[in-house]
Protein backbone atom coordinates (compact mmCIF):
# COMPACT_ATOMS: atom_id res chain seq x y z
CA MET A 1 -54.74 -35.97 19.22
CA ALA A 2 -51.49 -37.63 18.35
CA SER A 3 -48.74 -36.90 20.43
CA SER A 4 -45.88 -35.63 18.03
CA SER A 5 -42.80 -39.00 18.26
CA PRO A 6 -39.45 -38.03 19.13
CA ILE A 7 -38.02 -38.40 15.65
CA SER A 8 -40.29 -35.87 14.58
CA ILE A 9 -39.05 -33.27 17.06
CA SER A 10 -35.37 -34.23 16.31
CA PHE A 11 -35.80 -33.27 12.89
CA LEU A 12 -37.65 -29.99 13.23
CA LEU A 13 -34.95 -28.72 15.85
CA LEU A 14 -32.41 -30.14 12.99
CA LEU A 15 -33.89 -28.96 10.69
CA LEU A 16 -34.45 -25.28 12.36
CA LEU A 17 -30.60 -25.01 13.30
CA LEU A 18 -29.95 -25.19 9.33
CA LEU A 19 -32.24 -22.49 8.70
CA PRO A 20 -30.39 -19.46 7.94
CA SER A 21 -31.50 -16.43 10.47
CA ALA A 22 -32.10 -13.32 9.69
CA SER A 23 -29.71 -11.96 12.32
CA SER A 24 -26.98 -13.84 10.21
CA ASP A 25 -27.19 -11.63 7.83
CA PRO A 26 -24.37 -9.31 7.41
CA GLN A 27 -24.97 -5.80 8.11
CA LEU A 28 -22.68 -2.78 8.37
CA SER A 29 -22.99 -1.04 11.74
CA PHE A 30 -21.68 2.40 12.96
CA HIS A 31 -19.38 2.54 16.05
CA GLY A 32 -19.21 5.70 16.74
CA GLY A 33 -15.60 6.48 15.27
CA LEU A 34 -14.29 9.00 12.85
CA LEU A 35 -14.50 8.99 9.25
CA LEU A 36 -12.30 10.88 6.02
CA THR A 37 -13.86 14.33 5.02
CA GLY A 38 -12.75 16.98 3.05
CA ASN A 39 -9.68 16.60 1.12
CA VAL A 40 -8.42 12.99 1.68
CA ASN A 41 -4.72 13.60 0.14
CA LEU A 42 -2.96 10.55 -1.87
CA SER A 43 1.19 9.78 -1.69
CA LEU A 44 1.51 7.11 -4.18
CA ILE A 45 4.84 4.17 -4.25
CA TRP A 46 5.04 2.33 -7.20
CA TYR A 47 7.30 -0.67 -5.59
CA GLY A 48 8.86 -2.24 -8.46
CA ARG A 49 8.81 -2.21 -12.60
CA PHE A 50 5.25 -1.15 -14.06
CA GLY A 51 4.37 -0.40 -17.37
CA ARG A 52 2.86 2.77 -18.52
CA ILE A 53 -0.71 1.17 -19.15
CA GLN A 54 -0.92 0.27 -15.55
CA LYS A 55 0.15 3.65 -14.45
CA SER A 56 -1.76 5.14 -16.82
CA VAL A 57 -5.46 3.27 -15.58
CA LEU A 58 -5.04 3.48 -11.77
CA ARG A 59 -4.54 7.46 -12.00
CA SER A 60 -7.06 7.73 -14.31
CA PHE A 61 -9.49 6.01 -12.10
CA ILE A 62 -8.51 8.33 -9.24
CA LYS A 63 -8.81 11.59 -11.44
CA SER A 64 -12.29 9.98 -12.50
CA LEU A 65 -13.61 9.81 -8.66
CA ASN A 66 -14.43 13.53 -8.11
CA ASN A 67 -15.24 14.53 -11.90
CA ASN A 68 -18.64 14.16 -13.51
CA PHE A 69 -16.37 15.05 -17.04
CA ASN A 70 -19.32 17.05 -18.49
CA THR A 71 -20.73 13.94 -20.67
CA ASN A 72 -24.07 11.98 -21.65
CA LEU A 73 -21.55 8.71 -20.58
CA GLU A 74 -23.47 6.54 -17.71
CA PRO A 75 -22.75 5.41 -15.01
CA PRO A 76 -19.80 7.71 -14.47
CA VAL A 77 -17.07 6.59 -11.59
CA SER A 78 -18.29 9.45 -9.35
CA GLU A 79 -21.37 8.16 -9.02
CA TRP A 80 -19.69 4.97 -7.77
CA TRP A 81 -17.69 7.55 -5.21
CA GLN A 82 -20.81 9.12 -4.25
CA MET A 83 -21.95 6.42 -2.57
CA VAL A 84 -18.64 6.26 -0.75
CA GLU A 85 -19.95 10.41 0.23
CA SER A 86 -23.25 9.15 1.02
CA TYR A 87 -21.87 7.35 4.55
CA GLN A 88 -21.39 11.20 5.86
CA SER A 89 -25.08 11.67 6.85
CA ALA A 90 -25.51 7.97 7.58
CA ALA A 91 -22.97 8.72 10.51
CA ASN A 92 -24.25 12.14 11.46
CA ASP A 93 -28.29 12.68 10.69
CA LYS A 94 -27.97 16.38 11.35
CA LEU A 95 -26.08 16.94 8.06
CA PHE A 96 -28.91 18.48 5.48
CA THR A 97 -26.36 17.86 2.12
CA VAL A 98 -23.74 15.42 1.74
CA PRO A 99 -19.93 17.35 1.38
CA LYS A 100 -17.86 16.21 -0.90
CA ILE A 101 -14.37 14.26 -0.30
CA ARG A 102 -11.76 15.24 -2.93
CA VAL A 103 -8.61 12.43 -3.58
CA ARG A 104 -6.25 13.95 -4.91
CA VAL A 105 -2.75 12.26 -5.49
CA VAL A 106 0.08 15.10 -3.87
CA LYS A 107 3.42 12.84 -4.16
CA GLN A 108 4.38 9.89 -6.76
CA VAL A 109 7.42 7.60 -5.87
CA THR A 110 8.66 5.34 -7.72
CA ASP A 111 11.36 2.24 -6.32
CA VAL A 112 12.32 0.10 -9.06
CA SER A 113 15.33 -1.60 -6.84
CA TYR A 114 12.80 -3.48 -4.26
CA SER A 115 14.71 -1.05 -1.48
CA ILE A 116 13.27 -3.70 1.18
CA GLY A 117 12.73 -7.04 -0.57
CA LYS A 118 10.55 -8.77 -3.26
CA VAL A 119 8.67 -9.92 0.05
CA ILE A 120 6.93 -7.08 1.80
CA THR A 121 6.11 -7.89 5.45
CA LYS A 122 4.23 -5.02 8.30
CA ASP A 123 7.81 -4.94 9.60
CA PHE A 124 9.52 -3.35 6.68
CA LEU A 125 5.96 -1.75 5.54
CA SER A 126 6.59 1.41 7.58
CA GLY A 127 9.62 2.02 6.20
CA LEU A 128 7.81 2.73 2.28
CA VAL A 129 5.32 4.80 4.41
CA SER A 130 7.52 6.78 5.62
CA LYS A 131 9.21 7.20 2.44
CA ALA A 132 5.80 8.24 0.76
CA THR A 133 4.38 10.72 3.27
CA ASN A 134 7.89 12.24 5.00
CA GLY A 135 5.85 11.68 8.18
CA ASP A 136 2.86 14.21 7.01
CA SER A 137 0.10 12.43 8.71
CA ASN A 138 -2.47 14.18 6.61
CA THR A 139 -1.33 12.36 3.73
CA VAL A 140 -2.30 8.27 2.99
CA ALA A 141 0.13 6.35 2.19
CA VAL A 142 -0.33 3.82 -0.80
CA VAL A 143 1.49 1.50 -1.82
CA PHE A 144 1.14 -0.08 -5.29
CA THR A 145 3.48 -3.74 -5.74
CA SER A 146 4.20 -4.82 -9.21
CA ARG A 147 3.85 -8.39 -10.09
CA GLU A 148 6.95 -9.47 -8.69
CA VAL A 149 6.52 -8.64 -5.45
CA THR A 150 4.35 -10.72 -2.13
CA VAL A 151 2.97 -9.17 0.18
CA HIS A 152 2.26 -11.15 3.00
CA GLY A 153 -1.29 -11.25 4.32
CA LEU A 154 -2.73 -10.38 1.00
CA CYS A 155 -3.87 -13.27 -1.21
CA MET A 156 -5.52 -14.81 1.82
CA GLY A 157 -9.06 -13.85 1.22
CA LYS A 158 -7.93 -10.02 0.81
CA CYS A 159 -6.48 -8.60 -1.66
CA SER A 160 -5.89 -5.31 -0.71
CA GLU A 161 -5.86 -3.92 2.81
CA HIS A 162 -6.02 -0.44 4.45
CA GLY A 163 -4.73 0.79 8.26
CA VAL A 164 -2.59 2.68 10.42
CA ILE A 165 0.94 1.88 11.31
CA GLY A 166 3.51 3.50 13.54
CA PRO A 167 3.31 5.51 16.66
CA SER A 168 0.88 8.50 14.77
CA ASN A 169 -1.19 6.29 13.36
CA GLN A 170 -0.40 6.96 9.88
CA LEU A 171 -2.80 6.17 7.10
CA TYR A 172 -2.19 3.77 4.90
CA MET A 173 -3.07 1.41 1.78
CA ILE A 174 -1.53 -1.43 0.15
CA VAL A 175 -2.77 -2.96 -3.20
CA GLY A 176 -0.93 -5.91 -4.51
CA ASN A 177 -0.47 -6.83 -8.42
CA PRO A 178 -1.96 -10.18 -8.86
CA GLU A 179 -1.12 -11.86 -11.91
CA THR A 180 1.93 -13.53 -10.89
CA GLU A 181 0.61 -14.84 -7.07
CA CYS A 182 -2.93 -15.42 -6.79
CA PRO A 183 -5.05 -14.68 -10.40
CA GLY A 184 -7.48 -17.12 -8.68
CA SER A 185 -7.77 -15.53 -5.77
CA CYS A 186 -7.41 -11.53 -6.58
CA ALA A 187 -7.72 -11.37 -10.45
CA TRP A 188 -11.39 -12.53 -10.85
CA PRO A 189 -13.55 -12.08 -12.74
CA PHE A 190 -10.20 -11.83 -15.23
CA HIS A 191 -9.16 -15.15 -14.36
CA ARG A 192 -11.08 -18.37 -13.25
CA PRO A 193 -11.41 -18.73 -9.78
CA ASP A 194 -9.07 -20.99 -7.75
CA TYR A 195 -12.26 -21.91 -5.77
CA GLY A 196 -16.00 -22.22 -5.87
CA PRO A 197 -18.61 -22.03 -9.16
CA GLN A 198 -16.42 -21.70 -12.47
CA GLY A 199 -18.62 -18.78 -14.18
CA VAL A 200 -17.51 -16.92 -17.36
CA THR A 201 -14.36 -15.34 -17.53
CA LEU A 202 -14.53 -11.56 -18.10
CA GLN A 203 -11.92 -9.29 -20.68
CA PRO A 204 -10.69 -6.57 -18.60
CA PRO A 205 -12.18 -3.08 -19.74
CA ASN A 206 -8.99 -1.27 -20.11
CA GLY A 207 -7.21 -4.69 -21.71
CA ASN A 208 -4.77 -5.69 -18.70
CA VAL A 209 -5.40 -7.93 -16.32
CA GLY A 210 -3.42 -6.66 -13.28
CA ALA A 211 -4.51 -2.91 -13.54
CA ASP A 212 -8.16 -3.58 -14.00
CA SER A 213 -7.33 -6.20 -11.08
CA MET A 214 -5.49 -3.60 -8.87
CA VAL A 215 -8.60 -0.49 -9.62
CA ILE A 216 -10.66 -3.29 -8.15
CA SER A 217 -8.79 -3.59 -5.11
CA PHE A 218 -7.47 -0.15 -4.77
CA ALA A 219 -11.36 0.86 -5.19
CA SER A 220 -12.39 -1.45 -2.23
CA ALA A 221 -9.62 -0.51 0.14
CA LEU A 222 -10.32 3.20 -0.86
CA ALA A 223 -14.22 2.92 0.12
CA GLY A 224 -12.89 0.98 3.44
CA LEU A 225 -9.99 3.51 4.78
CA VAL A 226 -13.03 6.48 3.92
CA THR A 227 -15.68 5.45 6.19
CA ASN A 228 -13.29 3.26 8.25
CA PRO A 229 -10.06 4.53 8.61
CA TYR A 230 -9.77 3.58 12.16
CA ASN A 231 -10.95 0.59 12.93
CA ASP A 232 -14.21 2.24 14.91
CA GLY A 233 -16.37 3.30 11.51
CA PHE A 234 -18.78 1.43 9.34
CA TYR A 235 -17.83 -2.31 9.66
CA ASP A 236 -19.56 -5.55 10.39
CA GLY A 237 -17.76 -8.75 12.11
CA PRO A 238 -15.00 -9.11 14.59
CA GLU A 239 -11.97 -5.66 14.63
CA SER A 240 -9.36 -7.86 13.51
CA ASP A 241 -10.96 -8.89 9.81
CA PRO A 242 -13.84 -6.50 9.62
CA LYS A 243 -15.98 -6.08 6.93
CA GLU A 244 -16.25 -3.12 4.97
CA ALA A 245 -18.44 -0.90 2.69
CA SER A 246 -17.06 -2.81 -0.45
CA THR A 247 -16.04 -6.09 1.33
CA ILE A 248 -19.38 -6.84 2.37
CA CYS A 249 -20.58 -7.25 -0.97
CA HIS A 250 -17.81 -9.60 -2.09
CA GLY A 251 -18.05 -10.48 -5.68
CA ILE A 252 -20.53 -8.76 -6.76
CA PHE A 253 -20.29 -5.97 -9.55
CA GLY A 254 -23.74 -5.80 -10.91
CA SER A 255 -27.95 -6.48 -10.57
CA GLY A 256 -28.66 -9.97 -10.47
CA ALA A 257 -25.19 -11.08 -9.35
CA PHE A 258 -24.90 -14.94 -7.44
CA PRO A 259 -21.98 -16.69 -6.63
CA GLY A 260 -20.17 -17.14 -9.94
CA TYR A 261 -21.47 -14.20 -11.84
CA THR A 262 -20.74 -10.92 -11.63
CA GLY A 263 -24.39 -10.01 -12.22
CA LYS A 264 -25.14 -7.17 -14.86
CA VAL A 265 -22.20 -5.22 -16.91
CA ARG A 266 -21.46 -4.09 -19.98
CA VAL A 267 -19.50 -4.70 -22.91
CA ASN A 268 -17.23 -2.59 -24.77
CA PRO A 269 -17.72 -3.77 -28.34
CA SER A 270 -14.19 -2.11 -29.23
CA ASN A 271 -12.16 -4.66 -27.45
CA GLY A 272 -14.68 -7.11 -25.72
CA GLY A 273 -14.24 -5.36 -22.01
CA CYS A 274 -16.26 -5.97 -19.10
CA PHE A 275 -17.04 -2.32 -17.27
CA ASN A 276 -19.63 -0.74 -15.32
CA ALA A 277 -18.20 2.99 -15.16
CA HIS A 278 -16.94 5.25 -17.21
CA GLY A 279 -14.22 7.34 -16.54
CA LEU A 280 -11.89 10.29 -17.52
CA LYS A 281 -10.51 10.15 -21.75
CA GLY A 282 -12.79 7.37 -22.34
CA LYS A 283 -11.42 4.81 -19.89
CA LYS A 284 -13.27 2.34 -18.12
CA PHE A 285 -13.92 0.46 -15.02
CA LEU A 286 -15.20 -2.58 -13.25
CA LEU A 287 -15.63 -1.25 -9.81
CA PRO A 288 -17.20 -3.26 -6.61
CA ALA A 289 -20.60 -3.57 -5.07
CA LEU A 290 -20.98 -1.16 -2.09
CA TRP A 291 -22.80 -1.48 1.18
CA ASP A 292 -25.89 1.25 0.67
CA PRO A 293 -25.97 2.77 4.04
CA LYS A 294 -29.58 4.04 3.51
CA THR A 295 -31.15 0.51 1.62
CA SER A 296 -29.07 -1.62 4.07
CA SER A 297 -28.30 -3.62 0.65
CA CYS A 298 -25.44 -4.19 -1.71
CA TRP A 299 -25.41 -1.26 -4.27
CA THR A 300 -23.94 -1.37 -7.03
CA THR A 301 -23.72 1.27 -10.82
CA MET A 302 -26.00 -0.84 -12.91
């Protein structure tokens, strides 16, 4: 029997190192912590100058989460939200039915004077959170920033974030408008990406790149907030930079997606806008894929 040469053995070892292993595939795991359930009360703060359309689009998306609006339009936004709700049974296999998670806006604050400046760091963020919640730990502060505002930590691999702040572990989310700061990073697929495959640029479903991009970022942060509020729920990777329910499926909006291509979406013939979910009063949205804890794979509405 001929012996293997040193060169062929070295080549095989190199090949094995280069081949991806099954264990390297992303897997969202439950770490035993709390999830948000029941009522999720949001206090919105509009930081900077927002147009009427931008506010309307974002508020309509929030209202659409728990509303089936009794039409034949498929798929509704509520179907996307039901996948987030399903994490409750993934965390507790004794649940026979999945309870509803009601998201509602309980307060809105407008800050057009940029009270803490146009560059927001976490040191100053606590002031905005306090303004939004008045110290109510049962309310989640949601900071939407206008296109003139820079948020430290955003545009660097993430377009929104959620977390806790202060001694009472106050929950918050912050979502930036990427139109000026980082359209190539956080306005895709409505803007050409800064790097990677240059696929087709889509038209935003509501005709506003800022608002429709912020819906994607807000939806992603909201899914992460509910399923991993205190960084001990569902996530993959290091606690300092976890992949969560939506971010683990980054860049996927429909079936058949691959880098540079969103996957299957629909086109509104009236304005050319691309979407994958119907909302209230004729609004349409492009929503990010979510990790399905039952199938351990990325799921989309289409």
